[in-house]
Amino acid sequence: MSAVTRFAVAGLLASVLGAAAPGAAADLCLQFDGMSCALSGDLGFFRFPSTKLPKNAKKAVALHGRACGTGTVTGSAVRNPAGTLIQVGATFICDATAGLISADIDPASTAVGSTHAGDAGFGSFDLNSSCTVTIVDCAGEPGQL
């Protein structure tokens, strides 16, 4: 087999195998803040690694990640029955204090910089404050090198 033929076969195999591979899930990073929000800055930053938000109605995915850079966050994202909203809910621990977050994400607007409605509570399991939730670039995660 000539070098040209081997190169052509290798290119064909790479394109076929590449097309068959599923797309890698991207990290989802959310920033909670706002005038009446209990969270802001580092305390309002949440990273969910390798997350694929649900694409179909009534589907759910588990969420696990980091809160405020070094804490933990666990929850779920559910697509509503009409398929028009992704509802995110999670509990987190930052600085040995528990909290709760909730966000309503418009599936048509999940790009970095898009803003959504949310609620949060810190120090209690009560969604007692309204927040603006922004999908942000994960490069700004606090507490990471």
C-alpha atoms as a PDB file:
ATOM      1  CA  MET A   1       0.000   0.000   0.000  1.00  0.00           C
ATOM      2  CA  SER A   2       1.470   3.347  -1.014  1.00  0.00           C
ATOM      3  CA  ALA A   3       1.904   6.238   1.405  1.00  0.00           C
ATOM      4  CA  VAL A   4      -0.824   8.188  -0.392  1.00  0.00           C
ATOM      5  CA  THR A   5      -3.289   5.287  -0.088  1.00  0.00           C
ATOM      6  CA  ARG A   6      -2.463   4.783   3.601  1.00  0.00           C
ATOM      7  CA  PHE A   7      -2.970   8.516   4.200  1.00  0.00           C
ATOM      8  CA  ALA A   8      -6.347   8.435   2.402  1.00  0.00           C
ATOM      9  CA  VAL A   9      -7.505   5.366   4.370  1.00  0.00           C
ATOM     10  CA  ALA A  10      -6.372   6.917   7.655  1.00  0.00           C
ATOM     11  CA  GLY A  11      -8.255  10.121   6.840  1.00  0.00           C
ATOM     12  CA  LEU A  12     -11.395   8.182   5.942  1.00  0.00           C
ATOM     13  CA  LEU A  13     -11.244   6.143   9.158  1.00  0.00           C
ATOM     14  CA  ALA A  14     -10.679   9.261  11.257  1.00  0.00           C
ATOM     15  CA  SER A  15     -13.696  11.007   9.732  1.00  0.00           C
ATOM     16  CA  VAL A  16     -15.963   7.969  10.140  1.00  0.00           C
ATOM     17  CA  LEU A  17     -14.861   7.260  13.716  1.00  0.00           C
ATOM     18  CA  GLY A  18     -14.986  10.937  14.637  1.00  0.00           C
ATOM     19  CA  ALA A  19     -18.548  11.237  13.346  1.00  0.00           C
ATOM     20  CA  ALA A  20     -19.638   8.205  15.369  1.00  0.00           C
ATOM     21  CA  ALA A  21     -18.216   9.480  18.656  1.00  0.00           C
ATOM     22  CA  PRO A  22     -20.668  11.312  20.910  1.00  0.00           C
ATOM     23  CA  GLY A  23     -19.967  14.961  21.626  1.00  0.00           C
ATOM     24  CA  ALA A  24     -18.159  15.656  24.844  1.00  0.00           C
ATOM     25  CA  ALA A  25     -20.199  17.317  27.552  1.00  0.00           C
ATOM     26  CA  ALA A  26     -19.077  20.790  28.491  1.00  0.00           C
ATOM     27  CA  ASP A  27     -18.721  22.167  31.984  1.00  0.00           C
ATOM     28  CA  LEU A  28     -21.676  24.274  33.105  1.00  0.00           C
ATOM     29  CA  CYS A  29     -20.780  27.252  35.298  1.00  0.00           C
ATOM     30  CA  LEU A  30     -23.415  29.432  36.944  1.00  0.00           C
ATOM     31  CA  GLN A  31     -22.951  32.738  38.776  1.00  0.00           C
ATOM     32  CA  PHE A  32     -25.710  33.733  41.224  1.00  0.00           C
ATOM     33  CA  ASP A  33     -25.912  37.405  42.211  1.00  0.00           C
ATOM     34  CA  GLY A  34     -28.190  40.421  42.357  1.00  0.00           C
ATOM     35  CA  MET A  35     -29.380  43.107  44.756  1.00  0.00           C
ATOM     36  CA  SER A  36     -31.575  40.807  46.853  1.00  0.00           C
ATOM     37  CA  CYS A  37     -29.588  37.594  46.306  1.00  0.00           C
ATOM     38  CA  ALA A  38     -28.065  35.840  49.332  1.00  0.00           C
ATOM     39  CA  LEU A  39     -25.117  34.845  47.108  1.00  0.00           C
ATOM     40  CA  SER A  40     -22.557  36.831  45.138  1.00  0.00           C
ATOM     41  CA  GLY A  41     -18.919  36.737  44.073  1.00  0.00           C
ATOM     42  CA  ASP A  42     -17.071  33.529  44.964  1.00  0.00           C
ATOM     43  CA  LEU A  43     -19.965  32.338  47.134  1.00  0.00           C
ATOM     44  CA  GLY A  44     -22.316  32.484  44.130  1.00  0.00           C
ATOM     45  CA  PHE A  45     -20.124  30.487  41.702  1.00  0.00           C
ATOM     46  CA  PHE A  46     -21.115  26.897  40.830  1.00  0.00           C
ATOM     47  CA  ARG A  47     -19.329  24.510  38.441  1.00  0.00           C
ATOM     48  CA  PHE A  48     -20.894  21.318  37.154  1.00  0.00           C
ATOM     49  CA  PRO A  49     -18.200  19.401  35.175  1.00  0.00           C
ATOM     50  CA  SER A  50     -19.111  17.434  32.029  1.00  0.00           C
ATOM     51  CA  THR A  51     -22.762  18.434  32.155  1.00  0.00           C
ATOM     52  CA  LYS A  52     -25.266  17.853  29.382  1.00  0.00           C
ATOM     53  CA  LEU A  53     -28.518  19.622  30.142  1.00  0.00           C
ATOM     54  CA  PRO A  54     -31.645  17.578  29.313  1.00  0.00           C
ATOM     55  CA  LYS A  55     -32.740  18.033  25.696  1.00  0.00           C
ATOM     56  CA  ASN A  56     -36.154  16.351  25.894  1.00  0.00           C
ATOM     57  CA  ALA A  57     -39.290  17.089  27.922  1.00  0.00           C
ATOM     58  CA  LYS A  58     -39.605  15.303  31.262  1.00  0.00           C
ATOM     59  CA  LYS A  59     -35.939  14.235  31.226  1.00  0.00           C
ATOM     60  CA  ALA A  60     -33.609  14.739  34.172  1.00  0.00           C
ATOM     61  CA  VAL A  61     -29.856  14.674  34.704  1.00  0.00           C
ATOM     62  CA  ALA A  62     -27.883  14.497  37.928  1.00  0.00           C
ATOM     63  CA  LEU A  63     -25.597  17.414  38.733  1.00  0.00           C
ATOM     64  CA  HIS A  64     -22.435  17.129  40.831  1.00  0.00           C
ATOM     65  CA  GLY A  65     -19.732  19.733  41.150  1.00  0.00           C
ATOM     66  CA  ARG A  66     -18.022  22.476  43.087  1.00  0.00           C
ATOM     67  CA  ALA A  67     -19.515  25.438  44.884  1.00  0.00           C
ATOM     68  CA  CYS A  68     -17.596  28.629  45.722  1.00  0.00           C
ATOM     69  CA  GLY A  69     -14.409  27.071  44.320  1.00  0.00           C
ATOM     70  CA  THR A  70     -13.751  24.509  47.042  1.00  0.00           C
ATOM     71  CA  GLY A  71     -17.179  23.425  48.347  1.00  0.00           C
ATOM     72  CA  THR A  72     -19.490  20.758  46.954  1.00  0.00           C
ATOM     73  CA  VAL A  73     -22.821  20.986  45.139  1.00  0.00           C
ATOM     74  CA  THR A  74     -25.255  18.203  44.222  1.00  0.00           C
ATOM     75  CA  GLY A  75     -28.609  18.420  42.504  1.00  0.00           C
ATOM     76  CA  SER A  76     -30.516  17.840  39.294  1.00  0.00           C
ATOM     77  CA  ALA A  77     -31.685  19.541  36.105  1.00  0.00           C
ATOM     78  CA  VAL A  78     -35.133  18.668  34.743  1.00  0.00           C
ATOM     79  CA  ARG A  79     -36.752  19.709  31.447  1.00  0.00           C
ATOM     80  CA  ASN A  80     -40.389  20.687  32.073  1.00  0.00           C
ATOM     81  CA  PRO A  81     -43.219  18.750  30.329  1.00  0.00           C
ATOM     82  CA  ALA A  82     -43.641  21.451  27.663  1.00  0.00           C
ATOM     83  CA  GLY A  83     -39.886  21.402  26.978  1.00  0.00           C
ATOM     84  CA  THR A  84     -39.680  25.175  27.386  1.00  0.00           C
ATOM     85  CA  LEU A  85     -37.701  25.378  30.634  1.00  0.00           C
ATOM     86  CA  ILE A  86     -34.827  23.589  32.360  1.00  0.00           C
ATOM     87  CA  GLN A  87     -35.223  23.706  36.121  1.00  0.00           C
ATOM     88  CA  VAL A  88     -32.036  23.341  38.154  1.00  0.00           C
ATOM     89  CA  GLY A  89     -32.102  22.634  41.878  1.00  0.00           C
ATOM     90  CA  ALA A  90     -29.170  21.809  44.140  1.00  0.00           C
ATOM     91  CA  THR A  91     -27.832  21.833  47.666  1.00  0.00           C
ATOM     92  CA  PHE A  92     -24.310  22.988  48.436  1.00  0.00           C
ATOM     93  CA  ILE A  93     -21.763  23.373  51.218  1.00  0.00           C
ATOM     94  CA  CYS A  94     -19.403  26.382  51.399  1.00  0.00           C
ATOM     95  CA  ASP A  95     -17.237  27.143  54.411  1.00  0.00           C
ATOM     96  CA  ALA A  96     -19.046  24.415  56.398  1.00  0.00           C
ATOM     97  CA  THR A  97     -22.393  26.164  55.812  1.00  0.00           C
ATOM     98  CA  ALA A  98     -25.237  24.614  53.826  1.00  0.00           C
ATOM     99  CA  GLY A  99     -27.240  26.359  51.141  1.00  0.00           C
ATOM    100  CA  LEU A 100     -29.758  25.812  48.377  1.00  0.00           C
ATOM    101  CA  ILE A 101     -29.994  27.105  44.797  1.00  0.00           C
ATOM    102  CA  SER A 102     -32.681  27.011  42.140  1.00  0.00           C
ATOM    103  CA  ALA A 103     -32.604  28.343  38.561  1.00  0.00           C
ATOM    104  CA  ASP A 104     -35.001  28.401  35.611  1.00  0.00           C
ATOM    105  CA  ILE A 105     -32.944  28.216  32.423  1.00  0.00           C
ATOM    106  CA  ASP A 106     -34.422  28.954  29.010  1.00  0.00           C
ATOM    107  CA  PRO A 107     -33.115  26.082  26.832  1.00  0.00           C
ATOM    108  CA  ALA A 108     -32.982  28.384  23.806  1.00  0.00           C
ATOM    109  CA  SER A 109     -30.494  30.633  25.631  1.00  0.00           C
ATOM    110  CA  THR A 110     -27.740  28.581  27.273  1.00  0.00           C
ATOM    111  CA  ALA A 111     -24.745  30.453  25.866  1.00  0.00           C
ATOM    112  CA  VAL A 112     -22.100  32.023  28.088  1.00  0.00           C
ATOM    113  CA  GLY A 113     -23.418  35.405  29.181  1.00  0.00           C
ATOM    114  CA  SER A 114     -27.103  34.478  29.082  1.00  0.00           C
ATOM    115  CA  THR A 115     -29.083  35.423  32.196  1.00  0.00           C
ATOM    116  CA  HIS A 116     -31.902  33.567  33.900  1.00  0.00           C
ATOM    117  CA  ALA A 117     -34.082  33.777  37.003  1.00  0.00           C
ATOM    118  CA  GLY A 118     -33.130  31.979  40.201  1.00  0.00           C
ATOM    119  CA  ASP A 119     -33.407  31.796  43.970  1.00  0.00           C
ATOM    120  CA  ALA A 120     -30.934  30.990  46.722  1.00  0.00           C
ATOM    121  CA  GLY A 121     -30.571  30.473  50.423  1.00  0.00           C
ATOM    122  CA  PHE A 122     -27.384  30.296  52.469  1.00  0.00           C
ATOM    123  CA  GLY A 123     -27.255  29.111  56.045  1.00  0.00           C
ATOM    124  CA  SER A 124     -30.666  27.475  55.722  1.00  0.00           C
ATOM    125  CA  PHE A 125     -32.622  25.298  53.336  1.00  0.00           C
ATOM    126  CA  ASP A 126     -34.919  28.138  52.356  1.00  0.00           C
ATOM    127  CA  LEU A 127     -35.029  29.795  48.926  1.00  0.00           C
ATOM    128  CA  ASN A 128     -35.435  33.191  50.521  1.00  0.00           C
ATOM    129  CA  SER A 129     -33.734  35.460  47.992  1.00  0.00           C
ATOM    130  CA  SER A 130     -34.245  36.223  44.295  1.00  0.00           C
ATOM    131  CA  CYS A 131     -31.171  36.082  42.098  1.00  0.00           C
ATOM    132  CA  THR A 132     -29.955  36.698  38.602  1.00  0.00           C
ATOM    133  CA  VAL A 133     -28.279  33.540  37.310  1.00  0.00           C
ATOM    134  CA  THR A 134     -25.704  34.013  34.569  1.00  0.00           C
ATOM    135  CA  ILE A 135     -24.078  31.204  32.598  1.00  0.00           C
ATOM    136  CA  VAL A 136     -20.395  32.140  32.808  1.00  0.00           C
ATOM    137  CA  ASP A 137     -17.019  31.041  31.461  1.00  0.00           C
ATOM    138  CA  CYS A 138     -15.641  28.372  33.791  1.00  0.00           C
ATOM    139  CA  ALA A 139     -12.143  29.880  33.547  1.00  0.00           C
ATOM    140  CA  GLY A 140     -13.209  32.357  36.243  1.00  0.00           C
ATOM    141  CA  GLU A 141     -13.812  29.685  38.909  1.00  0.00           C
ATOM    142  CA  PRO A 142     -12.596  30.872  42.315  1.00  0.00           C
ATOM    143  CA  GLY A 143     -10.037  28.908  44.321  1.00  0.00           C
ATOM    144  CA  GLN A 144      -8.582  27.029  41.345  1.00  0.00           C
ATOM    145  CA  LEU A 145      -5.074  27.347  39.921  1.00  0.00           C
END
